[in-house]
């Protein structure tokens, strides 16, 4: 077993990525207050989104491991041009549709 190997701890996944960020909430307040907008709604939306970070990250990692595939032809040589994605792509699409991204 080799010695003196440098190891790095895996990053900690926060419970709420937005609330635990030291800069982003203050930046949102600064930007929205300068423009006369209500930053409360932005904070609420980003807090909800931040709470789903673990779930979204899990789906995103699976999507990255399983990129979409293009099937150009069927088994008989007929043109089908069909894109196949994993279930996580569909899940992320459904989540994005709900939050109107």
Foldseek 3Di string as FASTA:
>chain_A
DDPPDDDDDDDDQDQFVQVPDPPNVVVLCVVQVVVVHDSVVVVVLSRVVRNCVVVLVVLVVVCVVWPKDFDQADPVRHGDRDIDGDVSVVVVVVVCVVSVD
